[in-house]
Amino acid sequence: MSETNKVEEAIKAAKEQEEEARKNGTLPEEEVEETAEAQETEDLAEEEPDGEVPEGREGFFKNKKKKDKKDELIEELKDKVTRQMAEFENFRKRTDKEKSQMFEIGAKDIIEKILPVLDNFERGLATATEEEKATPFVEGMDKIYKQLVTTLEDAGVKEIDCLGKEFDPELHNAVMHEENEEAGENIITEVFQKGYTYKDTVVRHSMVKVAN
């Protein structure tokens, strides 16, 4: 007898013994379940042309594999780390934003204190006569004034453009009104004090005269 025939005879004999044990009630419950699952898998395979169980169906006949405790612990730790990293990133962004806001508030406060100095330079230079403007002293003051203006501009401070522009309450503070046929309606005709912005934020409104 060939080896193949011996194997087939052994399988056949095992099945007959199993069937007889099932009828007599001597087959353990676990083995009954496993045997039933194996038979169902075998029947399903016989229905397929190639004799293979369809992908995804073979797990239906197997006992559900429980997840290892180590894997559960790893997943739990990964979840905690991910949450902590997200919280830290949110905290970092919030802190950076608060720092930026605090810096801008501090810078705005300093600029407000420097602007009166700039005003005094302009008033002093405006009172100088043509002869005085040629003196080394006035020329030196003019250079210091221009240097101060350039430094503020580099820091983000800009003068508000007013003269000849339409009045804007967000930028201008009207302290005087006049009727002027040559000027248009709601047009600024004179500037009493220059206004300034710092990074698109008004530091000081312009004091102006508005026509019509």
N, C-alpha and C. Protein backbone atom coordinates (compact mmCIF):
# COMPACT_ATOMS: atom_id res chain seq x y z
N MET A 1 0.87 -1.21 0.00
CA MET A 1 0.00 0.00 0.00
C MET A 1 0.89 1.24 0.00
N SER A 2 0.54 2.23 -0.84
CA SER A 2 1.35 3.44 -0.93
C SER A 2 1.15 4.33 0.28
N GLU A 3 2.07 5.31 0.44
CA GLU A 3 2.00 6.22 1.58
C GLU A 3 0.72 7.03 1.54
N THR A 4 0.28 7.45 0.36
CA THR A 4 -0.94 8.24 0.22
C THR A 4 -2.15 7.45 0.69
N ASN A 5 -2.20 6.18 0.29
CA ASN A 5 -3.33 5.34 0.71
C ASN A 5 -3.34 5.13 2.21
N LYS A 6 -2.12 5.00 2.81
CA LYS A 6 -2.04 4.83 4.26
C LYS A 6 -2.58 6.05 5.00
N VAL A 7 -2.23 7.25 4.51
CA VAL A 7 -2.71 8.48 5.13
C VAL A 7 -4.21 8.58 5.03
N GLU A 8 -4.74 8.29 3.84
CA GLU A 8 -6.20 8.36 3.64
C GLU A 8 -6.92 7.37 4.54
N GLU A 9 -6.35 6.11 4.67
CA GLU A 9 -6.96 5.11 5.55
C GLU A 9 -6.93 5.57 7.00
N ALA A 10 -5.81 6.23 7.42
CA ALA A 10 -5.69 6.71 8.81
C ALA A 10 -6.70 7.81 9.08
N ILE A 11 -6.88 8.75 8.13
CA ILE A 11 -7.86 9.83 8.29
C ILE A 11 -9.27 9.27 8.38
N LYS A 12 -9.54 8.27 7.50
CA LYS A 12 -10.88 7.66 7.48
C LYS A 12 -11.17 6.96 8.80
N ALA A 13 -10.17 6.24 9.31
CA ALA A 13 -10.35 5.53 10.58
C ALA A 13 -10.56 6.50 11.73
N ALA A 14 -9.81 7.65 11.71
CA ALA A 14 -9.95 8.67 12.77
C ALA A 14 -11.33 9.28 12.74
N LYS A 15 -11.83 9.53 11.53
CA LYS A 15 -13.18 10.09 11.41
C LYS A 15 -14.24 9.12 11.93
N GLU A 16 -14.06 7.80 11.62
CA GLU A 16 -15.03 6.80 12.09
C GLU A 16 -15.01 6.72 13.61
N GLN A 17 -13.79 6.76 14.21
CA GLN A 17 -13.70 6.72 15.66
C GLN A 17 -14.33 7.96 16.29
N GLU A 18 -14.09 9.11 15.64
CA GLU A 18 -14.65 10.36 16.15
C GLU A 18 -16.18 10.34 16.08
N GLU A 19 -16.73 9.83 14.96
CA GLU A 19 -18.18 9.75 14.79
C GLU A 19 -18.80 8.81 15.83
N GLU A 20 -18.11 7.68 16.06
CA GLU A 20 -18.61 6.71 17.05
C GLU A 20 -18.56 7.30 18.46
N ALA A 21 -17.48 8.06 18.75
CA ALA A 21 -17.37 8.68 20.08
C ALA A 21 -18.43 9.74 20.28
N ARG A 22 -18.74 10.48 19.20
CA ARG A 22 -19.78 11.49 19.28
C ARG A 22 -21.14 10.86 19.56
N LYS A 23 -21.42 9.74 18.90
CA LYS A 23 -22.70 9.06 19.11
C LYS A 23 -22.81 8.53 20.53
N ASN A 24 -21.68 8.04 21.04
CA ASN A 24 -21.69 7.48 22.41
C ASN A 24 -21.61 8.56 23.48
N GLY A 25 -21.36 9.83 23.05
CA GLY A 25 -21.27 10.94 24.02
C GLY A 25 -19.99 10.99 24.77
N THR A 26 -18.94 10.40 24.25
CA THR A 26 -17.65 10.37 24.95
C THR A 26 -16.66 11.39 24.41
N LEU A 27 -17.01 12.15 23.36
CA LEU A 27 -16.11 13.14 22.78
C LEU A 27 -16.20 14.43 23.61
N PRO A 28 -15.07 15.01 24.10
CA PRO A 28 -15.10 16.23 24.92
C PRO A 28 -15.73 17.38 24.14
N GLU A 29 -16.33 18.33 24.89
CA GLU A 29 -17.05 19.45 24.28
C GLU A 29 -16.15 20.29 23.41
N GLU A 30 -14.91 20.56 23.89
CA GLU A 30 -13.99 21.39 23.13
C GLU A 30 -13.65 20.75 21.80
N GLU A 31 -13.45 19.41 21.84
CA GLU A 31 -13.10 18.72 20.61
C GLU A 31 -14.28 18.70 19.66
N VAL A 32 -15.51 18.64 20.23
CA VAL A 32 -16.70 18.65 19.38
C VAL A 32 -16.77 19.97 18.62
N GLU A 33 -16.50 21.10 19.34
CA GLU A 33 -16.54 22.41 18.70
C GLU A 33 -15.47 22.53 17.63
N GLU A 34 -14.25 22.08 17.97
CA GLU A 34 -13.15 22.18 17.01
C GLU A 34 -13.42 21.32 15.79
N THR A 35 -14.00 20.11 16.03
CA THR A 35 -14.30 19.20 14.92
C THR A 35 -15.36 19.80 14.01
N ALA A 36 -16.37 20.44 14.62
CA ALA A 36 -17.44 21.06 13.83
C ALA A 36 -16.89 22.19 13.00
N GLU A 37 -16.00 23.01 13.59
CA GLU A 37 -15.40 24.11 12.85
C GLU A 37 -14.55 23.61 11.71
N ALA A 38 -13.79 22.54 11.97
CA ALA A 38 -12.95 21.97 10.92
C ALA A 38 -13.79 21.43 9.78
N GLN A 39 -14.93 20.78 10.15
CA GLN A 39 -15.80 20.23 9.12
C GLN A 39 -16.42 21.34 8.27
N GLU A 40 -16.84 22.44 8.95
CA GLU A 40 -17.43 23.55 8.22
C GLU A 40 -16.41 24.17 7.27
N THR A 41 -15.17 24.30 7.75
CA THR A 41 -14.11 24.84 6.90
C THR A 41 -13.86 23.94 5.71
N GLU A 42 -13.86 22.62 5.98
CA GLU A 42 -13.63 21.65 4.90
C GLU A 42 -14.76 21.71 3.88
N ASP A 43 -16.02 21.82 4.37
CA ASP A 43 -17.16 21.90 3.46
C ASP A 43 -17.10 23.16 2.61
N LEU A 44 -16.70 24.28 3.25
CA LEU A 44 -16.61 25.53 2.51
C LEU A 44 -15.53 25.46 1.44
N ALA A 45 -14.42 24.81 1.78
CA ALA A 45 -13.34 24.66 0.81
C ALA A 45 -13.76 23.81 -0.37
N GLU A 46 -14.59 22.77 -0.08
CA GLU A 46 -15.06 21.90 -1.16
C GLU A 46 -15.96 22.65 -2.13
N GLU A 47 -16.68 23.71 -1.61
CA GLU A 47 -17.57 24.47 -2.47
C GLU A 47 -16.80 25.36 -3.44
N GLU A 48 -15.55 25.74 -3.09
CA GLU A 48 -14.75 26.62 -3.93
C GLU A 48 -14.07 25.82 -5.04
N PRO A 49 -13.92 26.41 -6.20
CA PRO A 49 -13.28 25.71 -7.32
C PRO A 49 -11.87 25.25 -7.02
N ASP A 50 -11.10 26.09 -6.34
CA ASP A 50 -9.71 25.75 -6.06
C ASP A 50 -9.52 25.07 -4.72
N GLY A 51 -10.62 24.81 -4.02
CA GLY A 51 -10.53 24.10 -2.75
C GLY A 51 -10.01 24.92 -1.61
N GLU A 52 -9.93 26.29 -1.77
CA GLU A 52 -9.43 27.17 -0.72
C GLU A 52 -10.56 27.93 -0.07
N VAL A 53 -10.40 28.20 1.20
CA VAL A 53 -11.40 28.97 1.92
C VAL A 53 -11.27 30.43 1.52
N PRO A 54 -12.36 31.13 1.19
CA PRO A 54 -12.28 32.54 0.80
C PRO A 54 -11.60 33.38 1.86
N GLU A 55 -10.82 34.38 1.40
CA GLU A 55 -10.10 35.25 2.33
C GLU A 55 -11.07 36.01 3.21
N GLY A 56 -10.81 36.04 4.49
CA GLY A 56 -11.69 36.73 5.43
C GLY A 56 -12.72 35.83 6.06
N ARG A 57 -12.98 34.62 5.43
CA ARG A 57 -13.99 33.71 5.97
C ARG A 57 -13.39 32.70 6.91
N GLU A 58 -12.05 32.45 6.74
CA GLU A 58 -11.45 31.41 7.56
C GLU A 58 -11.47 31.78 9.04
N GLY A 59 -11.38 33.11 9.34
CA GLY A 59 -11.40 33.53 10.74
C GLY A 59 -12.74 33.32 11.40
N PHE A 60 -13.81 33.17 10.62
CA PHE A 60 -15.15 32.98 11.16
C PHE A 60 -15.24 31.67 11.93
N PHE A 61 -14.44 30.67 11.50
CA PHE A 61 -14.53 29.34 12.09
C PHE A 61 -13.49 29.13 13.18
N LYS A 62 -12.67 30.16 13.44
CA LYS A 62 -11.63 30.06 14.47
C LYS A 62 -12.03 30.81 15.71
N ASN A 63 -11.53 30.39 16.83
CA ASN A 63 -11.78 31.11 18.07
C ASN A 63 -11.13 32.48 17.99
N LYS A 64 -11.79 33.53 18.48
CA LYS A 64 -11.26 34.88 18.42
C LYS A 64 -10.02 34.97 19.29
N LYS A 65 -8.94 35.45 18.65
CA LYS A 65 -7.67 35.56 19.37
C LYS A 65 -7.67 36.78 20.26
N LYS A 66 -7.39 36.58 21.52
CA LYS A 66 -7.36 37.70 22.47
C LYS A 66 -6.08 38.50 22.29
N LYS A 67 -6.19 39.84 22.46
CA LYS A 67 -5.03 40.72 22.32
C LYS A 67 -4.10 40.54 23.51
N ASP A 68 -2.82 40.51 23.23
CA ASP A 68 -1.82 40.35 24.28
C ASP A 68 -1.84 41.56 25.21
N LYS A 69 -1.65 41.32 26.51
CA LYS A 69 -1.65 42.41 27.48
C LYS A 69 -0.52 43.40 27.21
N LYS A 70 0.59 42.90 26.72
CA LYS A 70 1.71 43.79 26.39
C LYS A 70 1.32 44.73 25.25
N ASP A 71 0.62 44.18 24.26
CA ASP A 71 0.18 45.02 23.13
C ASP A 71 -0.81 46.08 23.60
N GLU A 72 -1.71 45.68 24.52
CA GLU A 72 -2.68 46.64 25.05
C GLU A 72 -1.97 47.76 25.81
N LEU A 73 -0.96 47.38 26.60
CA LEU A 73 -0.21 48.38 27.36
C LEU A 73 0.55 49.32 26.43
N ILE A 74 1.15 48.76 25.36
CA ILE A 74 1.88 49.58 24.39
C ILE A 74 0.95 50.58 23.72
N GLU A 75 -0.24 50.11 23.31
CA GLU A 75 -1.21 51.00 22.67
C GLU A 75 -1.67 52.10 23.62
N GLU A 76 -1.87 51.74 24.89
CA GLU A 76 -2.29 52.72 25.89
C GLU A 76 -1.23 53.78 26.09
N LEU A 77 0.05 53.35 26.17
CA LEU A 77 1.15 54.30 26.35
C LEU A 77 1.31 55.19 25.12
N LYS A 78 1.14 54.59 23.92
CA LYS A 78 1.22 55.38 22.69
C LYS A 78 0.14 56.46 22.67
N ASP A 79 -1.06 56.08 23.10
CA ASP A 79 -2.17 57.04 23.12
C ASP A 79 -1.88 58.18 24.10
N LYS A 80 -1.32 57.84 25.27
CA LYS A 80 -0.99 58.87 26.26
C LYS A 80 0.08 59.82 25.73
N VAL A 81 1.11 59.25 25.10
CA VAL A 81 2.20 60.08 24.56
C VAL A 81 1.67 61.00 23.46
N THR A 82 0.80 60.46 22.59
CA THR A 82 0.23 61.27 21.51
C THR A 82 -0.58 62.43 22.07
N ARG A 83 -1.39 62.16 23.10
CA ARG A 83 -2.20 63.21 23.72
C ARG A 83 -1.32 64.27 24.38
N GLN A 84 -0.27 63.81 25.08
CA GLN A 84 0.63 64.75 25.74
C GLN A 84 1.37 65.62 24.74
N MET A 85 1.79 65.03 23.61
CA MET A 85 2.47 65.81 22.57
C MET A 85 1.53 66.86 21.98
N ALA A 86 0.26 66.48 21.78
CA ALA A 86 -0.72 67.43 21.24
C ALA A 86 -0.96 68.57 22.23
N GLU A 87 -1.06 68.23 23.53
CA GLU A 87 -1.26 69.26 24.55
C GLU A 87 -0.05 70.18 24.63
N PHE A 88 1.15 69.61 24.52
CA PHE A 88 2.36 70.43 24.57
C PHE A 88 2.44 71.37 23.38
N GLU A 89 2.06 70.88 22.18
CA GLU A 89 2.09 71.72 20.98
C GLU A 89 1.11 72.88 21.11
N ASN A 90 -0.09 72.58 21.65
CA ASN A 90 -1.08 73.64 21.86
C ASN A 90 -0.57 74.66 22.88
N PHE A 91 0.07 74.16 23.94
CA PHE A 91 0.63 75.05 24.96
C PHE A 91 1.72 75.94 24.37
N ARG A 92 2.59 75.35 23.52
CA ARG A 92 3.67 76.12 22.91
C ARG A 92 3.12 77.23 22.01
N LYS A 93 2.11 76.89 21.19
CA LYS A 93 1.51 77.90 20.31
C LYS A 93 0.85 79.01 21.12
N ARG A 94 0.14 78.62 22.19
CA ARG A 94 -0.53 79.62 23.02
C ARG A 94 0.49 80.51 23.72
N THR A 95 1.58 79.92 24.19
CA THR A 95 2.63 80.70 24.87
C THR A 95 3.31 81.66 23.90
N ASP A 96 3.61 81.18 22.68
CA ASP A 96 4.24 82.05 21.68
C ASP A 96 3.33 83.23 21.34
N LYS A 97 2.04 82.95 21.24
CA LYS A 97 1.09 84.02 20.92
C LYS A 97 1.02 85.04 22.05
N GLU A 98 1.00 84.54 23.30
CA GLU A 98 0.96 85.45 24.44
C GLU A 98 2.24 86.28 24.54
N LYS A 99 3.38 85.65 24.26
CA LYS A 99 4.65 86.38 24.28
C LYS A 99 4.65 87.49 23.23
N SER A 100 4.15 87.16 22.03
CA SER A 100 4.10 88.14 20.95
C SER A 100 3.20 89.31 21.33
N GLN A 101 2.06 88.99 21.94
CA GLN A 101 1.13 90.05 22.35
C GLN A 101 1.75 90.92 23.44
N MET A 102 2.43 90.30 24.40
CA MET A 102 3.08 91.05 25.48
C MET A 102 4.18 91.95 24.92
N PHE A 103 4.93 91.43 23.93
CA PHE A 103 6.00 92.22 23.33
C PHE A 103 5.41 93.45 22.62
N GLU A 104 4.33 93.24 21.87
CA GLU A 104 3.71 94.34 21.15
C GLU A 104 3.14 95.38 22.10
N ILE A 105 2.56 94.92 23.22
CA ILE A 105 2.03 95.87 24.21
C ILE A 105 3.15 96.70 24.80
N GLY A 106 4.28 96.01 25.12
CA GLY A 106 5.42 96.72 25.68
C GLY A 106 6.03 97.70 24.68
N ALA A 107 6.14 97.27 23.42
CA ALA A 107 6.69 98.14 22.38
C ALA A 107 5.79 99.36 22.16
N LYS A 108 4.50 99.13 22.16
CA LYS A 108 3.54 100.24 21.97
C LYS A 108 3.66 101.26 23.10
N ASP A 109 3.86 100.77 24.31
CA ASP A 109 4.00 101.68 25.45
C ASP A 109 5.25 102.54 25.32
N ILE A 110 6.36 101.93 24.87
CA ILE A 110 7.61 102.68 24.68
C ILE A 110 7.46 103.71 23.57
N ILE A 111 6.80 103.31 22.48
CA ILE A 111 6.62 104.23 21.34
C ILE A 111 5.80 105.44 21.76
N GLU A 112 4.76 105.21 22.54
CA GLU A 112 3.93 106.32 23.02
C GLU A 112 4.76 107.34 23.81
N LYS A 113 5.77 106.87 24.53
CA LYS A 113 6.62 107.76 25.31
C LYS A 113 7.67 108.47 24.45
N ILE A 114 8.03 107.85 23.32
CA ILE A 114 9.03 108.46 22.43
C ILE A 114 8.41 109.52 21.53
N LEU A 115 7.14 109.36 21.17
CA LEU A 115 6.50 110.29 20.23
C LEU A 115 6.55 111.75 20.68
N PRO A 116 6.33 112.07 21.97
CA PRO A 116 6.45 113.48 22.38
C PRO A 116 7.86 114.05 22.12
N VAL A 117 8.89 113.21 22.25
CA VAL A 117 10.25 113.65 21.95
C VAL A 117 10.37 113.99 20.47
N LEU A 118 9.76 113.15 19.64
CA LEU A 118 9.75 113.41 18.20
C LEU A 118 9.02 114.72 17.88
N ASP A 119 7.91 114.94 18.59
CA ASP A 119 7.16 116.19 18.39
C ASP A 119 8.01 117.42 18.73
N ASN A 120 8.75 117.33 19.82
CA ASN A 120 9.58 118.47 20.25
C ASN A 120 10.71 118.75 19.24
N PHE A 121 11.27 117.69 18.67
CA PHE A 121 12.28 117.89 17.62
C PHE A 121 11.67 118.68 16.46
N GLU A 122 10.47 118.26 16.04
CA GLU A 122 9.82 118.91 14.89
C GLU A 122 9.48 120.37 15.20
N ARG A 123 8.99 120.62 16.42
CA ARG A 123 8.66 122.01 16.79
C ARG A 123 9.91 122.87 16.83
N GLY A 124 10.99 122.34 17.42
CA GLY A 124 12.24 123.09 17.51
C GLY A 124 12.82 123.40 16.14
N LEU A 125 12.82 122.42 15.25
CA LEU A 125 13.37 122.64 13.91
C LEU A 125 12.49 123.58 13.10
N ALA A 126 11.18 123.56 13.37
CA ALA A 126 10.27 124.44 12.63
C ALA A 126 10.48 125.90 12.98
N THR A 127 10.95 126.18 14.20
CA THR A 127 11.15 127.58 14.62
C THR A 127 12.50 128.16 14.19
N ALA A 128 13.38 127.31 13.68
CA ALA A 128 14.71 127.78 13.27
C ALA A 128 14.60 128.61 11.99
N THR A 129 15.34 129.71 11.98
CA THR A 129 15.36 130.58 10.79
C THR A 129 16.27 129.97 9.73
N GLU A 130 16.24 130.55 8.56
CA GLU A 130 17.07 130.06 7.47
C GLU A 130 18.55 130.15 7.82
N GLU A 131 18.92 131.25 8.51
CA GLU A 131 20.32 131.42 8.91
C GLU A 131 20.71 130.37 9.96
N GLU A 132 19.78 130.10 10.91
CA GLU A 132 20.06 129.12 11.98
C GLU A 132 20.15 127.70 11.42
N LYS A 133 19.40 127.44 10.36
CA LYS A 133 19.44 126.09 9.78
C LYS A 133 20.81 125.75 9.22
N ALA A 134 21.59 126.77 8.89
CA ALA A 134 22.92 126.54 8.33
C ALA A 134 23.98 126.34 9.41
N THR A 135 23.62 126.57 10.68
CA THR A 135 24.59 126.41 11.77
C THR A 135 24.80 124.93 12.08
N PRO A 136 25.98 124.57 12.57
CA PRO A 136 26.27 123.17 12.90
C PRO A 136 25.30 122.58 13.94
N PHE A 137 24.87 123.43 14.88
CA PHE A 137 23.98 122.93 15.94
C PHE A 137 22.65 122.45 15.35
N VAL A 138 22.01 123.29 14.55
CA VAL A 138 20.70 122.94 13.98
C VAL A 138 20.86 121.77 13.00
N GLU A 139 21.94 121.78 12.25
CA GLU A 139 22.18 120.67 11.33
C GLU A 139 22.34 119.36 12.10
N GLY A 140 23.01 119.43 13.24
CA GLY A 140 23.18 118.23 14.08
C GLY A 140 21.84 117.74 14.63
N MET A 141 20.99 118.69 15.10
CA MET A 141 19.67 118.32 15.61
C MET A 141 18.80 117.70 14.51
N ASP A 142 18.94 118.24 13.30
CA ASP A 142 18.16 117.72 12.17
C ASP A 142 18.59 116.28 11.84
N LYS A 143 19.88 116.03 11.91
CA LYS A 143 20.37 114.68 11.65
C LYS A 143 19.90 113.69 12.73
N ILE A 144 19.91 114.14 13.98
CA ILE A 144 19.42 113.28 15.06
C ILE A 144 17.93 112.99 14.89
N TYR A 145 17.17 114.01 14.49
CA TYR A 145 15.73 113.85 14.25
C TYR A 145 15.47 112.82 13.14
N LYS A 146 16.20 112.97 12.03
CA LYS A 146 16.02 112.04 10.91
C LYS A 146 16.42 110.62 11.29
N GLN A 147 17.46 110.50 12.10
CA GLN A 147 17.89 109.17 12.55
C GLN A 147 16.82 108.54 13.44
N LEU A 148 16.19 109.34 14.29
CA LEU A 148 15.12 108.84 15.17
C LEU A 148 13.92 108.37 14.35
N VAL A 149 13.56 109.16 13.32
CA VAL A 149 12.43 108.80 12.45
C VAL A 149 12.72 107.48 11.72
N THR A 150 13.95 107.34 11.19
CA THR A 150 14.33 106.12 10.47
C THR A 150 14.30 104.90 11.39
N THR A 151 14.77 105.07 12.62
CA THR A 151 14.78 103.97 13.58
C THR A 151 13.36 103.51 13.91
N LEU A 152 12.46 104.46 14.09
CA LEU A 152 11.06 104.10 14.37
C LEU A 152 10.41 103.40 13.18
N GLU A 153 10.70 103.89 11.99
CA GLU A 153 10.14 103.25 10.79
C GLU A 153 10.64 101.82 10.65
N ASP A 154 11.91 101.59 10.93
CA ASP A 154 12.47 100.24 10.87
C ASP A 154 11.81 99.32 11.90
N ALA A 155 11.36 99.89 13.01
CA ALA A 155 10.70 99.11 14.07
C ALA A 155 9.23 98.86 13.77
N GLY A 156 8.71 99.46 12.67
CA GLY A 156 7.31 99.23 12.31
C GLY A 156 6.40 100.40 12.60
N VAL A 157 6.97 101.54 12.97
CA VAL A 157 6.16 102.73 13.27
C VAL A 157 6.00 103.55 12.00
N LYS A 158 4.75 103.90 11.67
CA LYS A 158 4.49 104.69 10.46
C LYS A 158 3.61 105.88 10.79
N GLU A 159 3.89 106.97 10.10
CA GLU A 159 3.07 108.17 10.26
C GLU A 159 1.76 107.99 9.50
N ILE A 160 0.66 108.43 10.10
CA ILE A 160 -0.65 108.35 9.45
C ILE A 160 -0.78 109.48 8.44
N ASP A 161 -1.09 109.11 7.21
CA ASP A 161 -1.25 110.11 6.14
C ASP A 161 -2.59 110.80 6.33
N CYS A 162 -2.57 112.14 6.46
CA CYS A 162 -3.80 112.86 6.81
C CYS A 162 -4.19 113.95 5.82
N LEU A 163 -3.30 114.87 5.58
CA LEU A 163 -3.63 116.09 4.84
C LEU A 163 -4.21 115.78 3.46
N GLY A 164 -5.42 116.31 3.23
CA GLY A 164 -6.09 116.09 1.96
C GLY A 164 -6.85 114.79 1.87
N LYS A 165 -6.80 113.98 2.94
CA LYS A 165 -7.49 112.70 2.97
C LYS A 165 -8.87 112.85 3.60
N GLU A 166 -9.73 111.88 3.34
CA GLU A 166 -11.05 111.88 3.96
C GLU A 166 -10.94 111.48 5.43
N PHE A 167 -11.72 112.14 6.25
CA PHE A 167 -11.68 111.89 7.69
C PHE A 167 -12.09 110.45 7.99
N ASP A 168 -11.28 109.78 8.83
CA ASP A 168 -11.55 108.41 9.27
C ASP A 168 -11.46 108.38 10.79
N PRO A 169 -12.57 108.15 11.50
CA PRO A 169 -12.53 108.16 12.97
C PRO A 169 -11.62 107.09 13.56
N GLU A 170 -11.29 106.06 12.76
CA GLU A 170 -10.40 105.02 13.26
C GLU A 170 -8.95 105.50 13.31
N LEU A 171 -8.64 106.55 12.51
CA LEU A 171 -7.27 107.04 12.42
C LEU A 171 -7.11 108.48 12.90
N HIS A 172 -8.19 109.26 12.79
CA HIS A 172 -8.10 110.71 13.03
C HIS A 172 -8.98 111.14 14.19
N ASN A 173 -8.55 112.23 14.82
CA ASN A 173 -9.32 112.85 15.89
C ASN A 173 -9.59 114.31 15.50
N ALA A 174 -10.83 114.58 15.13
CA ALA A 174 -11.18 115.92 14.66
C ALA A 174 -11.39 116.85 15.85
N VAL A 175 -10.56 117.89 15.93
CA VAL A 175 -10.66 118.85 17.04
C VAL A 175 -11.15 120.22 16.55
N MET A 176 -11.30 120.35 15.23
CA MET A 176 -11.77 121.63 14.69
C MET A 176 -12.48 121.37 13.35
N HIS A 177 -13.49 122.24 13.08
CA HIS A 177 -14.25 122.11 11.84
C HIS A 177 -14.30 123.46 11.14
N GLU A 178 -14.33 123.43 9.81
CA GLU A 178 -14.41 124.67 9.06
C GLU A 178 -15.23 124.46 7.77
N GLU A 179 -15.76 125.53 7.28
CA GLU A 179 -16.44 125.53 6.00
C GLU A 179 -15.45 126.00 4.95
N ASN A 180 -15.21 125.20 3.97
CA ASN A 180 -14.20 125.52 2.96
C ASN A 180 -14.72 125.04 1.60
N GLU A 181 -15.03 126.01 0.74
CA GLU A 181 -15.58 125.69 -0.57
C GLU A 181 -14.56 125.01 -1.47
N GLU A 182 -13.29 125.28 -1.25
CA GLU A 182 -12.25 124.69 -2.08
C GLU A 182 -12.00 123.22 -1.74
N ALA A 183 -12.27 122.87 -0.49
CA ALA A 183 -12.04 121.49 -0.05
C ALA A 183 -13.31 120.67 -0.23
N GLY A 184 -13.16 119.37 -0.38
CA GLY A 184 -14.31 118.49 -0.51
C GLY A 184 -14.98 118.24 0.83
N GLU A 185 -16.04 117.46 0.79
CA GLU A 185 -16.79 117.17 2.02
C GLU A 185 -16.02 116.17 2.89
N ASN A 186 -15.91 116.51 4.16
CA ASN A 186 -15.29 115.64 5.15
C ASN A 186 -13.80 115.41 4.86
N ILE A 187 -13.14 116.43 4.35
CA ILE A 187 -11.73 116.35 3.99
C ILE A 187 -10.87 117.06 5.03
N ILE A 188 -9.74 116.46 5.36
CA ILE A 188 -8.82 117.04 6.35
C ILE A 188 -8.01 118.16 5.68
N THR A 189 -8.08 119.34 6.30
CA THR A 189 -7.39 120.50 5.72
C THR A 189 -6.16 120.93 6.53
N GLU A 190 -6.05 120.47 7.76
CA GLU A 190 -4.90 120.86 8.58
C GLU A 190 -4.63 119.79 9.63
N VAL A 191 -3.34 119.59 9.94
CA VAL A 191 -2.92 118.60 10.94
C VAL A 191 -2.25 119.33 12.10
N PHE A 192 -2.80 119.16 13.29
CA PHE A 192 -2.23 119.82 14.48
C PHE A 192 -1.19 118.93 15.17
N GLN A 193 -1.43 117.64 15.13
CA GLN A 193 -0.48 116.69 15.73
C GLN A 193 -0.49 115.40 14.91
N LYS A 194 0.68 114.95 14.54
CA LYS A 194 0.77 113.74 13.72
C LYS A 194 0.35 112.50 14.51
N GLY A 195 -0.30 111.60 13.77
CA GLY A 195 -0.67 110.31 14.35
C GLY A 195 0.24 109.22 13.83
N TYR A 196 0.34 108.11 14.59
CA TYR A 196 1.25 107.03 14.20
C TYR A 196 0.59 105.68 14.45
N THR A 197 1.02 104.70 13.63
CA THR A 197 0.59 103.32 13.82
C THR A 197 1.81 102.44 14.06
N TYR A 198 1.58 101.35 14.77
CA TYR A 198 2.63 100.36 14.99
C TYR A 198 2.10 98.99 14.57
N LYS A 199 2.62 98.48 13.46
CA LYS A 199 2.18 97.19 12.91
C LYS A 199 0.66 97.15 12.74
N ASP A 200 0.14 98.16 12.04
CA ASP A 200 -1.29 98.27 11.72
C ASP A 200 -2.17 98.55 12.94
N THR A 201 -1.56 98.86 14.09
CA THR A 201 -2.31 99.23 15.29
C THR A 201 -2.08 100.71 15.57
N VAL A 202 -3.14 101.45 15.79
CA VAL A 202 -3.01 102.88 16.04
C VAL A 202 -2.39 103.12 17.42
N VAL A 203 -1.26 103.80 17.41
CA VAL A 203 -0.60 104.16 18.68
C VAL A 203 -1.12 105.52 19.15
N ARG A 204 -1.28 106.45 18.19
CA ARG A 204 -1.81 107.78 18.51
C ARG A 204 -2.59 108.31 17.31
N HIS A 205 -3.81 108.77 17.57
CA HIS A 205 -4.64 109.33 16.49
C HIS A 205 -4.11 110.71 16.09
N SER A 206 -4.32 111.04 14.83
CA SER A 206 -3.92 112.37 14.34
C SER A 206 -4.95 113.40 14.78
N MET A 207 -4.47 114.55 15.28
CA MET A 207 -5.37 115.67 15.64
C MET A 207 -5.48 116.56 14.41
N VAL A 208 -6.71 116.70 13.89
CA VAL A 208 -6.88 117.36 12.59
C VAL A 208 -8.05 118.34 12.58
N LYS A 209 -8.04 119.17 11.53
CA LYS A 209 -9.16 120.06 11.22
C LYS A 209 -9.87 119.48 9.99
N VAL A 210 -11.21 119.43 10.05
CA VAL A 210 -11.98 118.81 8.97
C VAL A 210 -12.87 119.86 8.34
N ALA A 211 -12.94 119.83 7.01
CA ALA A 211 -13.76 120.81 6.28
C ALA A 211 -15.11 120.20 5.87
N ASN A 212 -16.12 121.12 5.90
CA ASN A 212 -17.46 120.78 5.41
C ASN A 212 -18.04 119.55 6.10
